[in-house]
Protein backbone atom coordinates (compact mmCIF):
# COMPACT_ATOMS: atom_id res chain seq x y z
CA MET A 1 -28.84 9.80 18.49
CA ARG A 2 -31.48 7.15 18.03
CA LEU A 3 -30.75 3.77 16.44
CA THR A 4 -33.55 2.13 14.52
CA SER A 5 -33.85 -1.46 13.52
CA VAL A 6 -33.89 -2.10 9.77
CA ALA A 7 -33.60 -5.19 7.61
CA PRO A 8 -30.01 -6.47 7.47
CA ASN A 9 -28.10 -6.52 4.21
CA ARG A 10 -27.36 -10.21 3.74
CA ASN A 11 -24.33 -9.60 1.53
CA THR A 12 -22.53 -7.35 4.01
CA THR A 13 -22.96 -9.70 6.95
CA LEU A 14 -21.28 -12.71 5.31
CA GLY A 15 -17.76 -11.37 5.88
CA LEU A 16 -18.51 -10.80 9.56
CA VAL A 17 -20.01 -14.27 9.88
CA LEU A 18 -16.98 -15.97 8.37
CA LEU A 19 -14.61 -13.85 10.44
CA LEU A 20 -16.47 -14.83 13.61
CA ALA A 21 -16.34 -18.50 12.66
CA PHE A 22 -12.62 -18.30 11.88
CA VAL A 23 -11.83 -16.50 15.15
CA LEU A 24 -13.83 -18.99 17.23
CA GLY A 25 -12.10 -21.88 15.49
CA SER A 26 -8.67 -20.27 15.81
CA LEU A 27 -9.14 -19.75 19.52
CA GLY A 28 -9.83 -23.44 19.95
CA PHE A 29 -13.45 -22.86 20.94
CA VAL A 30 -14.75 -26.03 22.57
CA PHE A 31 -17.68 -27.75 20.89
CA ALA A 32 -19.65 -30.87 21.67
CA GLN A 33 -18.13 -33.99 20.17
CA ASN A 34 -21.37 -34.92 18.40
CA PRO A 35 -24.21 -32.96 16.86
CA PRO A 36 -26.44 -31.50 19.57
CA ALA A 37 -29.14 -33.66 21.12
CA GLN A 38 -31.89 -31.73 19.34
CA GLN A 39 -30.62 -33.27 16.09
CA THR A 40 -31.50 -36.82 17.19
CA PRO A 41 -33.98 -38.64 14.96
CA PRO A 42 -37.63 -38.04 15.91
CA GLN A 43 -38.33 -41.75 16.50
CA GLN A 44 -36.16 -41.49 19.63
CA GLN A 45 -37.12 -39.28 22.58
CA ALA A 46 -36.03 -36.00 21.03
CA PRO A 47 -35.90 -32.81 23.07
CA PRO A 48 -37.24 -29.58 21.54
CA GLY A 49 -35.74 -28.86 18.14
CA VAL A 50 -33.56 -26.11 16.75
CA VAL A 51 -35.63 -22.95 17.15
CA PHE A 52 -34.01 -19.55 16.87
CA GLY A 53 -35.07 -16.78 19.24
CA GLY A 54 -33.43 -13.87 17.44
CA ASP A 55 -33.86 -12.01 14.17
CA ALA A 56 -31.22 -14.16 12.48
CA GLY A 57 -29.17 -17.18 13.40
CA LEU A 58 -25.93 -18.96 12.67
CA ILE A 59 -24.89 -22.53 13.12
CA LEU A 60 -21.18 -23.28 12.88
CA ASN A 61 -20.63 -26.89 11.77
CA TYR A 62 -17.16 -28.41 12.14
CA ILE A 63 -17.04 -31.33 9.70
CA LYS A 64 -14.38 -34.01 9.20
CA THR A 65 -12.53 -33.29 5.95
CA ASP A 66 -12.99 -36.86 4.71
CA LYS A 67 -16.74 -36.64 5.43
CA ALA A 68 -17.40 -33.28 3.73
CA ALA A 69 -18.91 -34.96 0.65
CA ASP A 70 -21.31 -36.92 2.88
CA PHE A 71 -22.31 -33.73 4.71
CA GLU A 72 -22.92 -31.92 1.41
CA ALA A 73 -24.97 -34.86 0.09
CA VAL A 74 -27.25 -34.64 3.14
CA ILE A 75 -27.53 -30.87 2.72
CA ALA A 76 -28.62 -31.46 -0.90
CA ARG A 77 -31.38 -33.79 0.37
CA LEU A 78 -32.31 -31.20 3.02
CA LYS A 79 -32.75 -28.61 0.27
CA GLU A 80 -34.92 -31.04 -1.65
CA ALA A 81 -36.97 -31.80 1.47
CA LEU A 82 -37.59 -28.09 2.11
CA GLN A 83 -38.71 -27.63 -1.50
CA LYS A 84 -41.00 -30.70 -1.50
CA SER A 85 -42.54 -30.09 1.91
CA GLN A 86 -46.24 -29.28 2.00
CA ALA A 87 -45.75 -27.13 5.13
CA PRO A 88 -45.70 -23.41 4.22
CA GLU A 89 -43.19 -22.57 6.97
CA ARG A 90 -40.67 -24.92 5.33
CA LYS A 91 -40.76 -22.78 2.16
CA GLN A 92 -40.18 -19.69 4.30
CA GLN A 93 -37.27 -21.41 6.06
CA ALA A 94 -35.68 -22.35 2.73
CA ALA A 95 -35.91 -18.74 1.52
CA GLY A 96 -33.76 -17.47 4.41
CA TRP A 97 -31.43 -20.45 4.96
CA LYS A 98 -28.04 -20.50 3.26
CA VAL A 99 -25.13 -22.89 3.72
CA PHE A 100 -21.58 -21.61 3.29
CA LYS A 101 -18.29 -23.51 3.24
CA SER A 102 -15.13 -21.78 4.38
CA PRO A 103 -12.29 -22.05 1.87
CA GLU A 104 -9.78 -21.98 4.74
CA PRO A 105 -9.16 -25.08 6.87
CA ALA A 106 -11.00 -24.96 10.20
CA GLY A 107 -8.26 -26.81 12.05
CA GLU A 108 -6.53 -30.08 11.47
CA GLY A 109 -8.77 -32.39 9.48
CA GLN A 110 -11.82 -30.11 9.60
CA VAL A 111 -13.94 -28.05 7.25
CA LEU A 112 -16.20 -25.26 8.51
CA TYR A 113 -19.74 -25.04 7.15
CA VAL A 114 -21.90 -22.15 8.31
CA PHE A 115 -25.69 -22.15 8.25
CA VAL A 116 -26.84 -18.55 7.91
CA VAL A 117 -30.54 -18.11 8.66
CA ASP A 118 -31.72 -14.60 7.88
CA PRO A 119 -34.50 -13.90 8.47
CA VAL A 120 -35.49 -16.51 11.00
CA VAL A 121 -38.98 -17.99 10.75
CA LYS A 122 -40.18 -17.41 14.30
CA GLY A 123 -41.12 -20.64 16.08
CA ALA A 124 -40.04 -22.88 13.17
CA ASP A 125 -37.93 -25.94 13.90
CA TYR A 126 -34.68 -26.05 11.91
CA SER A 127 -33.72 -29.59 13.00
CA VAL A 128 -32.21 -31.25 9.96
CA SER A 129 -33.36 -34.68 11.10
CA LYS A 130 -36.97 -33.57 11.63
CA ILE A 131 -37.19 -31.98 8.18
CA LEU A 132 -35.70 -35.08 6.53
CA TYR A 133 -38.14 -37.39 8.39
CA GLU A 134 -41.13 -35.30 7.30
CA VAL A 135 -40.37 -35.69 3.61
CA PHE A 136 -38.15 -38.79 3.33
CA PRO A 137 -39.32 -41.08 6.16
CA THR A 138 -37.87 -44.29 4.68
CA GLU A 139 -34.36 -42.95 4.11
CA ALA A 140 -34.15 -40.37 6.90
CA GLN A 141 -32.44 -42.69 9.38
CA ASP A 142 -29.59 -43.41 6.93
CA LEU A 143 -29.32 -39.74 5.99
CA TYR A 144 -29.19 -38.73 9.63
CA LYS A 145 -26.44 -41.29 10.37
CA LYS A 146 -24.36 -39.93 7.49
CA TYR A 147 -25.01 -36.38 8.77
CA ALA A 148 -24.11 -37.16 12.39
CA ASP A 149 -21.00 -39.16 11.45
CA SER A 150 -19.64 -36.22 9.46
CA TYR A 151 -19.18 -34.01 12.54
CA SER A 152 -15.77 -33.44 14.06
CA LYS A 153 -16.44 -31.04 16.94
CA GLY A 154 -20.19 -30.71 16.65
CA GLN A 155 -21.89 -27.42 16.10
CA LEU A 156 -22.45 -24.07 17.75
CA ARG A 157 -25.78 -22.27 17.43
CA ILE A 158 -25.84 -18.47 17.67
CA ASN A 159 -28.96 -16.31 17.91
CA LEU A 160 -28.56 -12.78 16.55
CA ASN A 161 -30.61 -9.61 17.06
CA LEU A 162 -30.09 -6.73 14.65
CA VAL A 163 -28.62 -3.62 16.25
CA SER A 164 -27.96 -1.55 13.15
CA ALA A 165 -27.77 -2.05 9.39
CA LEU A 166 -24.77 0.15 8.65
CA GLY A 167 -25.26 0.25 4.89
CA GLN A 168 -28.80 1.59 5.09
């Protein structure tokens, strides 16, 4: 039997994504205490950004419950930045980038937000701070501070390669 690679069905993978996030959180998966270094503002010495190497990607974001509104406000500005950007790859990124919020608590005082990127724009940088600085340079520092301060356990980035699209 030969398996072939086909385009994933975005609707059928959401349940698996949320299950994975819940299981990792339930097992007490250890995360960095702050957003990863690649999320530092570009005016500092920033290492390479958030670039996915697979066909799709996930980022699990553990956010303080009392900072969820701040996180969502920054995500709203991120959406606006992707739409206003003059860079064509930013429009492609926006088309495949969704943000989900788990309705179940992600642990004491935490909310789980999942970035689902499918398909990935190969070689594109998904650093929230970099995108905000490109479009909103005067307010990006404040937006980034609000974003960084919202994290409880940090984030976990997962690269995914399609093995089989079971519904196709």
